[in-house]
């Protein structure tokens, strides 16, 4: 009988923090608009790139850490990386990845948070674009799945 490997993941309930956190003005891409834009490319080949543990790749400023503290079994912990569950984590993550790709002069792509898609009319074209984007992301400190 095959065994199932159990993986634990620490999660904290940040609904209370999210309620009192002021909203950011930064906009996230609209998924429907991204879909329409991708359809307009009418390419023959596509490839996706997924960043591994993207939020946890982003250091959390020391002065922000106390607001993310949580207690487990009587011991208080806090994150030193951007936590999941906080309302601004996706926006911050998206923005940092977007900035890295812009500064690295990434080839044409679409991005939604930590997911990136490239396209082209040949497998070679898509492979070259993907390699360039992966190189930029690795240099920026992100890992690829």
N, C-alpha and C. Protein backbone atom coordinates (compact mmCIF):
# COMPACT_ATOMS: atom_id res chain seq x y z
N UNK A 1 0.84 -1.17 0.00
CA UNK A 1 0.00 0.00 0.00
C UNK A 1 0.90 1.25 0.00
N UNK A 2 0.59 2.16 -0.86
CA UNK A 2 1.38 3.39 -0.96
C UNK A 2 1.16 4.26 0.27
N UNK A 3 2.24 4.84 0.74
CA UNK A 3 2.11 5.72 1.90
C UNK A 3 1.93 7.16 1.43
N UNK A 4 1.21 7.92 2.21
CA UNK A 4 0.98 9.32 1.91
C UNK A 4 1.87 10.15 2.82
N UNK A 5 2.69 10.98 2.23
CA UNK A 5 3.57 11.83 3.01
C UNK A 5 2.79 13.05 3.48
N UNK A 6 2.81 13.30 4.77
CA UNK A 6 2.10 14.44 5.34
C UNK A 6 3.04 15.63 5.42
N UNK A 7 2.58 16.75 4.90
CA UNK A 7 3.37 17.97 4.98
C UNK A 7 2.60 18.98 5.81
N UNK A 8 3.26 19.54 6.80
CA UNK A 8 2.64 20.53 7.67
C UNK A 8 2.96 21.92 7.15
N UNK A 9 2.00 22.81 7.32
CA UNK A 9 2.20 24.20 6.93
C UNK A 9 1.64 25.08 8.03
N UNK A 10 2.46 26.00 8.51
CA UNK A 10 2.03 26.93 9.55
C UNK A 10 1.14 27.99 8.91
N UNK A 11 -0.01 28.20 9.51
CA UNK A 11 -0.92 29.23 9.04
C UNK A 11 -1.42 30.02 10.24
N UNK A 12 -1.63 31.29 10.03
CA UNK A 12 -2.19 32.16 11.08
C UNK A 12 -3.43 32.83 10.51
N UNK A 13 -4.39 33.09 11.38
CA UNK A 13 -5.63 33.75 10.97
C UNK A 13 -5.44 35.26 11.10
N UNK A 14 -5.30 35.92 9.97
CA UNK A 14 -5.06 37.36 9.97
C UNK A 14 -6.31 38.17 9.65
N UNK A 15 -7.49 37.60 9.83
CA UNK A 15 -8.71 38.36 9.54
C UNK A 15 -8.81 39.62 10.39
N UNK A 16 -8.46 39.54 11.66
CA UNK A 16 -8.50 40.73 12.52
C UNK A 16 -7.53 41.80 12.05
N UNK A 17 -6.31 41.40 11.74
CA UNK A 17 -5.31 42.34 11.23
C UNK A 17 -5.76 42.93 9.89
N UNK A 18 -6.32 42.09 9.03
CA UNK A 18 -6.78 42.56 7.73
C UNK A 18 -7.87 43.62 7.85
N UNK A 19 -8.73 43.47 8.86
CA UNK A 19 -9.82 44.44 9.05
C UNK A 19 -9.31 45.83 9.41
N UNK A 20 -8.20 45.91 10.13
CA UNK A 20 -7.70 47.22 10.57
C UNK A 20 -6.54 47.74 9.71
N UNK A 21 -6.15 46.96 8.71
CA UNK A 21 -5.07 47.38 7.82
C UNK A 21 -5.64 48.25 6.71
N UNK A 22 -5.06 49.43 6.54
CA UNK A 22 -5.50 50.33 5.48
C UNK A 22 -5.22 49.69 4.12
N UNK A 23 -6.09 49.96 3.17
CA UNK A 23 -5.93 49.40 1.83
C UNK A 23 -4.82 50.11 1.07
N UNK A 24 -4.17 49.37 0.21
CA UNK A 24 -3.15 49.93 -0.67
C UNK A 24 -3.82 50.43 -1.94
N UNK A 25 -3.20 51.41 -2.58
CA UNK A 25 -3.76 51.90 -3.83
C UNK A 25 -3.23 51.13 -5.03
N UNK A 26 -2.22 50.30 -4.82
CA UNK A 26 -1.66 49.50 -5.92
C UNK A 26 -2.71 48.53 -6.45
N UNK A 27 -2.80 48.45 -7.73
CA UNK A 27 -3.81 47.60 -8.35
C UNK A 27 -3.21 46.26 -8.76
N UNK A 28 -4.00 45.23 -8.58
CA UNK A 28 -3.64 43.90 -9.06
C UNK A 28 -4.24 43.75 -10.46
N UNK A 29 -3.60 42.97 -11.32
CA UNK A 29 -4.17 42.76 -12.64
C UNK A 29 -5.51 42.04 -12.54
N UNK A 30 -6.39 42.35 -13.45
CA UNK A 30 -7.70 41.69 -13.51
C UNK A 30 -7.53 40.40 -14.32
N UNK A 31 -7.96 39.28 -13.75
CA UNK A 31 -7.78 37.98 -14.41
C UNK A 31 -8.47 37.92 -15.77
N UNK A 32 -9.66 38.50 -15.88
CA UNK A 32 -10.38 38.47 -17.15
C UNK A 32 -9.62 39.27 -18.22
N UNK A 33 -9.09 40.42 -17.83
CA UNK A 33 -8.29 41.22 -18.77
C UNK A 33 -7.04 40.47 -19.20
N UNK A 34 -6.40 39.78 -18.27
CA UNK A 34 -5.23 38.98 -18.63
C UNK A 34 -5.60 37.87 -19.61
N UNK A 35 -6.75 37.26 -19.38
CA UNK A 35 -7.21 36.19 -20.28
C UNK A 35 -7.44 36.74 -21.68
N UNK A 36 -8.12 37.88 -21.78
CA UNK A 36 -8.36 38.50 -23.09
C UNK A 36 -7.05 38.86 -23.78
N UNK A 37 -6.12 39.41 -23.02
CA UNK A 37 -4.84 39.79 -23.60
C UNK A 37 -4.09 38.56 -24.10
N UNK A 38 -4.12 37.48 -23.33
CA UNK A 38 -3.44 36.26 -23.74
C UNK A 38 -4.08 35.68 -25.00
N UNK A 39 -5.42 35.69 -25.05
CA UNK A 39 -6.11 35.18 -26.24
C UNK A 39 -5.75 35.99 -27.48
N UNK A 40 -5.50 37.28 -27.31
CA UNK A 40 -5.18 38.14 -28.46
C UNK A 40 -3.81 37.81 -29.06
N UNK A 41 -2.97 37.12 -28.32
CA UNK A 41 -1.63 36.78 -28.82
C UNK A 41 -1.69 35.71 -29.91
N UNK A 42 -2.67 34.85 -29.85
CA UNK A 42 -2.87 33.79 -30.84
C UNK A 42 -1.57 33.05 -31.17
N UNK A 43 -0.82 32.72 -30.15
CA UNK A 43 0.45 32.01 -30.34
C UNK A 43 0.20 30.51 -30.47
N UNK A 44 1.20 29.83 -30.96
CA UNK A 44 1.11 28.37 -31.11
C UNK A 44 1.65 27.64 -29.88
N UNK A 45 2.56 28.29 -29.15
CA UNK A 45 3.20 27.67 -28.01
C UNK A 45 3.09 28.57 -26.78
N UNK A 46 2.91 27.93 -25.63
CA UNK A 46 2.82 28.66 -24.36
C UNK A 46 3.60 27.89 -23.30
N UNK A 47 4.09 28.60 -22.32
CA UNK A 47 4.75 27.95 -21.17
C UNK A 47 4.46 28.79 -19.94
N UNK A 48 4.31 28.12 -18.81
CA UNK A 48 4.08 28.83 -17.55
C UNK A 48 5.28 28.64 -16.63
N UNK A 49 5.49 29.65 -15.82
CA UNK A 49 6.56 29.64 -14.82
C UNK A 49 5.90 29.94 -13.48
N UNK A 50 6.14 29.09 -12.51
CA UNK A 50 5.56 29.28 -11.18
C UNK A 50 6.70 29.44 -10.17
N UNK A 51 6.66 30.53 -9.45
CA UNK A 51 7.69 30.79 -8.45
C UNK A 51 7.37 29.98 -7.19
N UNK A 52 8.37 29.29 -6.67
CA UNK A 52 8.20 28.45 -5.49
C UNK A 52 8.19 29.31 -4.22
N UNK A 53 7.16 29.12 -3.40
CA UNK A 53 7.08 29.82 -2.11
C UNK A 53 7.40 31.30 -2.24
N UNK A 54 6.75 31.95 -3.18
CA UNK A 54 7.07 33.34 -3.51
C UNK A 54 6.98 34.27 -2.31
N UNK A 55 5.90 34.16 -1.52
CA UNK A 55 5.75 35.06 -0.37
C UNK A 55 6.92 34.88 0.59
N UNK A 56 7.30 33.62 0.81
CA UNK A 56 8.37 33.34 1.77
C UNK A 56 9.75 33.68 1.23
N UNK A 57 9.83 34.11 -0.01
CA UNK A 57 11.09 34.58 -0.59
C UNK A 57 11.32 36.06 -0.30
N UNK A 58 10.31 36.72 0.26
CA UNK A 58 10.35 38.17 0.46
C UNK A 58 10.57 38.47 1.93
N UNK A 59 11.69 39.09 2.29
CA UNK A 59 11.94 39.43 3.70
C UNK A 59 10.91 40.42 4.23
N UNK A 60 10.54 40.23 5.47
CA UNK A 60 9.60 41.13 6.15
C UNK A 60 10.42 42.10 7.00
N UNK A 61 10.19 43.39 6.83
CA UNK A 61 10.94 44.40 7.58
C UNK A 61 10.80 44.14 9.08
N UNK A 62 11.89 44.29 9.81
CA UNK A 62 11.91 44.02 11.25
C UNK A 62 10.85 44.80 12.00
N UNK A 63 10.62 46.06 11.61
CA UNK A 63 9.62 46.88 12.31
C UNK A 63 8.19 46.42 12.05
N UNK A 64 7.97 45.58 11.05
CA UNK A 64 6.63 45.07 10.75
C UNK A 64 6.34 43.73 11.42
N UNK A 65 7.35 43.05 11.87
CA UNK A 65 7.19 41.69 12.38
C UNK A 65 6.26 41.57 13.58
N UNK A 66 6.26 42.49 14.54
CA UNK A 66 5.38 42.32 15.70
C UNK A 66 3.89 42.21 15.36
N UNK A 67 3.45 42.88 14.31
CA UNK A 67 2.02 42.81 13.98
C UNK A 67 1.61 41.44 13.44
N UNK A 68 2.58 40.62 13.07
CA UNK A 68 2.28 39.28 12.55
C UNK A 68 2.54 38.18 13.58
N UNK A 69 2.78 38.56 14.82
CA UNK A 69 3.07 37.58 15.87
C UNK A 69 1.87 36.67 16.11
N UNK A 70 2.16 35.41 16.44
CA UNK A 70 1.13 34.44 16.79
C UNK A 70 1.69 33.53 17.87
N UNK A 71 0.79 32.89 18.60
CA UNK A 71 1.19 32.03 19.70
C UNK A 71 0.77 30.60 19.39
N UNK A 72 1.68 29.67 19.63
CA UNK A 72 1.39 28.26 19.47
C UNK A 72 2.02 27.52 20.63
N UNK A 73 1.17 26.76 21.33
CA UNK A 73 1.59 25.99 22.51
C UNK A 73 2.34 26.86 23.52
N UNK A 74 1.81 28.06 23.72
CA UNK A 74 2.35 28.96 24.74
C UNK A 74 3.61 29.71 24.36
N UNK A 75 4.06 29.56 23.14
CA UNK A 75 5.27 30.26 22.68
C UNK A 75 4.88 31.22 21.57
N UNK A 76 5.37 32.46 21.67
CA UNK A 76 5.05 33.45 20.64
C UNK A 76 6.10 33.43 19.53
N UNK A 77 5.60 33.45 18.30
CA UNK A 77 6.44 33.45 17.11
C UNK A 77 6.03 34.63 16.23
N UNK A 78 6.88 34.98 15.31
CA UNK A 78 6.51 35.93 14.27
C UNK A 78 7.26 35.56 13.00
N UNK A 79 6.77 36.06 11.91
CA UNK A 79 7.37 35.78 10.61
C UNK A 79 8.56 36.71 10.37
N UNK A 80 9.54 36.21 9.65
CA UNK A 80 10.61 37.07 9.15
C UNK A 80 10.55 37.15 7.62
N UNK A 81 9.53 36.51 7.06
CA UNK A 81 9.23 36.54 5.63
C UNK A 81 7.76 36.94 5.46
N UNK A 82 7.40 37.41 4.29
CA UNK A 82 6.04 37.85 4.02
C UNK A 82 5.06 36.70 4.24
N UNK A 83 4.11 36.86 5.17
CA UNK A 83 3.21 35.74 5.48
C UNK A 83 2.06 35.61 4.49
N UNK A 84 1.55 34.40 4.38
CA UNK A 84 0.33 34.16 3.64
C UNK A 84 -0.84 34.54 4.54
N UNK A 85 -1.93 34.99 3.94
CA UNK A 85 -3.13 35.32 4.71
C UNK A 85 -3.29 36.79 5.01
N UNK A 86 -2.23 37.57 4.88
CA UNK A 86 -2.35 39.01 5.08
C UNK A 86 -2.85 39.63 3.78
N UNK A 87 -3.73 40.60 3.87
CA UNK A 87 -4.41 41.11 2.68
C UNK A 87 -3.49 41.76 1.65
N UNK A 88 -2.33 42.25 2.08
CA UNK A 88 -1.43 42.91 1.13
C UNK A 88 -0.33 42.00 0.60
N UNK A 89 -0.22 40.79 1.11
CA UNK A 89 0.85 39.90 0.65
C UNK A 89 0.81 39.66 -0.86
N UNK A 90 -0.35 39.36 -1.47
CA UNK A 90 -0.36 39.16 -2.92
C UNK A 90 0.07 40.39 -3.71
N UNK A 91 -0.40 41.57 -3.28
CA UNK A 91 -0.06 42.81 -3.98
C UNK A 91 1.43 43.11 -3.88
N UNK A 92 1.99 42.96 -2.70
CA UNK A 92 3.42 43.20 -2.50
C UNK A 92 4.25 42.21 -3.32
N UNK A 93 3.87 40.95 -3.26
CA UNK A 93 4.58 39.91 -4.01
C UNK A 93 4.53 40.20 -5.51
N UNK A 94 3.34 40.49 -6.02
CA UNK A 94 3.18 40.79 -7.44
C UNK A 94 4.08 41.96 -7.84
N UNK A 95 4.05 43.02 -7.04
CA UNK A 95 4.82 44.21 -7.36
C UNK A 95 6.32 43.98 -7.37
N UNK A 96 6.82 43.22 -6.41
CA UNK A 96 8.26 42.95 -6.36
C UNK A 96 8.72 42.09 -7.54
N UNK A 97 7.91 41.11 -7.90
CA UNK A 97 8.25 40.27 -9.05
C UNK A 97 8.18 41.10 -10.33
N UNK A 98 7.15 41.91 -10.45
CA UNK A 98 6.99 42.78 -11.62
C UNK A 98 8.20 43.71 -11.76
N UNK A 99 8.62 44.31 -10.67
CA UNK A 99 9.79 45.20 -10.69
C UNK A 99 11.05 44.45 -11.12
N UNK A 100 11.25 43.26 -10.58
CA UNK A 100 12.43 42.47 -10.96
C UNK A 100 12.42 42.16 -12.45
N UNK A 101 11.25 41.80 -12.98
CA UNK A 101 11.16 41.48 -14.40
C UNK A 101 11.37 42.71 -15.27
N UNK A 102 10.85 43.85 -14.84
CA UNK A 102 11.05 45.09 -15.60
C UNK A 102 12.52 45.50 -15.59
N UNK A 103 13.14 45.46 -14.42
CA UNK A 103 14.55 45.85 -14.32
C UNK A 103 15.46 44.90 -15.09
N UNK A 104 15.06 43.64 -15.16
CA UNK A 104 15.84 42.65 -15.89
C UNK A 104 15.53 42.62 -17.37
N UNK A 105 14.66 43.52 -17.81
CA UNK A 105 14.26 43.60 -19.21
C UNK A 105 13.76 42.26 -19.73
N UNK A 106 12.81 41.69 -19.01
CA UNK A 106 12.22 40.40 -19.37
C UNK A 106 11.50 40.49 -20.70
N UNK A 107 11.52 39.40 -21.47
CA UNK A 107 10.74 39.39 -22.71
C UNK A 107 9.25 39.47 -22.41
N UNK A 108 8.46 39.70 -23.45
CA UNK A 108 7.01 39.84 -23.28
C UNK A 108 6.42 38.64 -22.53
N UNK A 109 5.58 38.94 -21.56
CA UNK A 109 4.98 37.91 -20.71
C UNK A 109 3.74 38.50 -20.05
N UNK A 110 2.97 37.67 -19.39
CA UNK A 110 1.90 38.11 -18.51
C UNK A 110 2.17 37.53 -17.14
N UNK A 111 1.81 38.29 -16.11
CA UNK A 111 2.09 37.88 -14.74
C UNK A 111 0.86 38.10 -13.88
N UNK A 112 0.59 37.12 -13.02
CA UNK A 112 -0.41 37.28 -11.96
C UNK A 112 0.21 36.73 -10.68
N UNK A 113 0.55 37.61 -9.80
CA UNK A 113 1.23 37.32 -8.54
C UNK A 113 2.51 36.54 -8.84
N UNK A 114 2.53 35.22 -8.57
CA UNK A 114 3.76 34.44 -8.77
C UNK A 114 3.67 33.50 -9.97
N UNK A 115 2.68 33.71 -10.81
CA UNK A 115 2.51 32.89 -12.01
C UNK A 115 2.79 33.75 -13.25
N UNK A 116 3.59 33.20 -14.15
CA UNK A 116 4.00 33.94 -15.34
C UNK A 116 3.78 33.04 -16.55
N UNK A 117 3.31 33.65 -17.64
CA UNK A 117 3.13 32.89 -18.88
C UNK A 117 3.85 33.61 -20.01
N UNK A 118 4.50 32.81 -20.84
CA UNK A 118 5.17 33.31 -22.04
C UNK A 118 4.60 32.56 -23.23
N UNK A 119 4.76 33.12 -24.42
CA UNK A 119 4.18 32.52 -25.62
C UNK A 119 5.09 32.80 -26.80
N UNK A 120 4.83 32.06 -27.87
CA UNK A 120 5.58 32.27 -29.10
C UNK A 120 5.07 31.35 -30.17
N UNK A 121 5.67 31.44 -31.34
CA UNK A 121 5.23 30.61 -32.47
C UNK A 121 6.08 29.37 -32.66
N UNK A 122 7.08 29.18 -31.78
CA UNK A 122 7.87 27.96 -31.82
C UNK A 122 8.27 27.58 -30.40
N UNK A 123 8.55 26.32 -30.23
CA UNK A 123 8.99 25.85 -28.91
C UNK A 123 10.30 26.52 -28.52
N UNK A 124 11.17 26.74 -29.48
CA UNK A 124 12.46 27.36 -29.21
C UNK A 124 12.28 28.79 -28.71
N UNK A 125 11.38 29.53 -29.35
CA UNK A 125 11.12 30.92 -28.95
C UNK A 125 10.62 30.98 -27.51
N UNK A 126 9.67 30.11 -27.19
CA UNK A 126 9.10 30.07 -25.84
C UNK A 126 10.16 29.64 -24.83
N UNK A 127 10.98 28.68 -25.21
CA UNK A 127 12.03 28.21 -24.32
C UNK A 127 13.03 29.32 -24.01
N UNK A 128 13.43 30.07 -25.01
CA UNK A 128 14.37 31.18 -24.80
C UNK A 128 13.77 32.26 -23.90
N UNK A 129 12.51 32.60 -24.13
CA UNK A 129 11.84 33.60 -23.29
C UNK A 129 11.77 33.10 -21.85
N UNK A 130 11.38 31.84 -21.70
CA UNK A 130 11.27 31.26 -20.36
C UNK A 130 12.60 31.24 -19.63
N UNK A 131 13.66 30.86 -20.33
CA UNK A 131 14.99 30.83 -19.72
C UNK A 131 15.42 32.22 -19.26
N UNK A 132 15.15 33.22 -20.06
CA UNK A 132 15.52 34.60 -19.71
C UNK A 132 14.78 35.04 -18.45
N UNK A 133 13.47 34.76 -18.40
CA UNK A 133 12.67 35.15 -17.24
C UNK A 133 13.13 34.40 -15.99
N UNK A 134 13.39 33.11 -16.13
CA UNK A 134 13.86 32.32 -14.99
C UNK A 134 15.19 32.87 -14.48
N UNK A 135 16.09 33.23 -15.39
CA UNK A 135 17.38 33.80 -14.99
C UNK A 135 17.18 35.09 -14.20
N UNK A 136 16.29 35.95 -14.65
CA UNK A 136 16.01 37.21 -13.95
C UNK A 136 15.46 36.93 -12.55
N UNK A 137 14.51 36.00 -12.46
CA UNK A 137 13.90 35.67 -11.18
C UNK A 137 14.90 35.07 -10.21
N UNK A 138 15.75 34.19 -10.69
CA UNK A 138 16.77 33.59 -9.83
C UNK A 138 17.74 34.66 -9.31
N UNK A 139 18.13 35.57 -10.18
CA UNK A 139 19.03 36.65 -9.76
C UNK A 139 18.36 37.56 -8.74
N UNK A 140 17.03 37.66 -8.79
CA UNK A 140 16.29 38.50 -7.84
C UNK A 140 16.03 37.77 -6.52
N UNK A 141 16.45 36.50 -6.42
CA UNK A 141 16.31 35.77 -5.17
C UNK A 141 15.10 34.86 -5.07
N UNK A 142 14.42 34.65 -6.19
CA UNK A 142 13.26 33.76 -6.19
C UNK A 142 13.68 32.37 -6.66
N UNK A 143 12.94 31.36 -6.24
CA UNK A 143 13.17 29.99 -6.69
C UNK A 143 12.03 29.59 -7.61
N UNK A 144 12.29 28.69 -8.52
CA UNK A 144 11.29 28.27 -9.50
C UNK A 144 10.87 26.83 -9.19
N UNK A 145 9.57 26.58 -9.32
CA UNK A 145 9.06 25.21 -9.11
C UNK A 145 9.46 24.34 -10.28
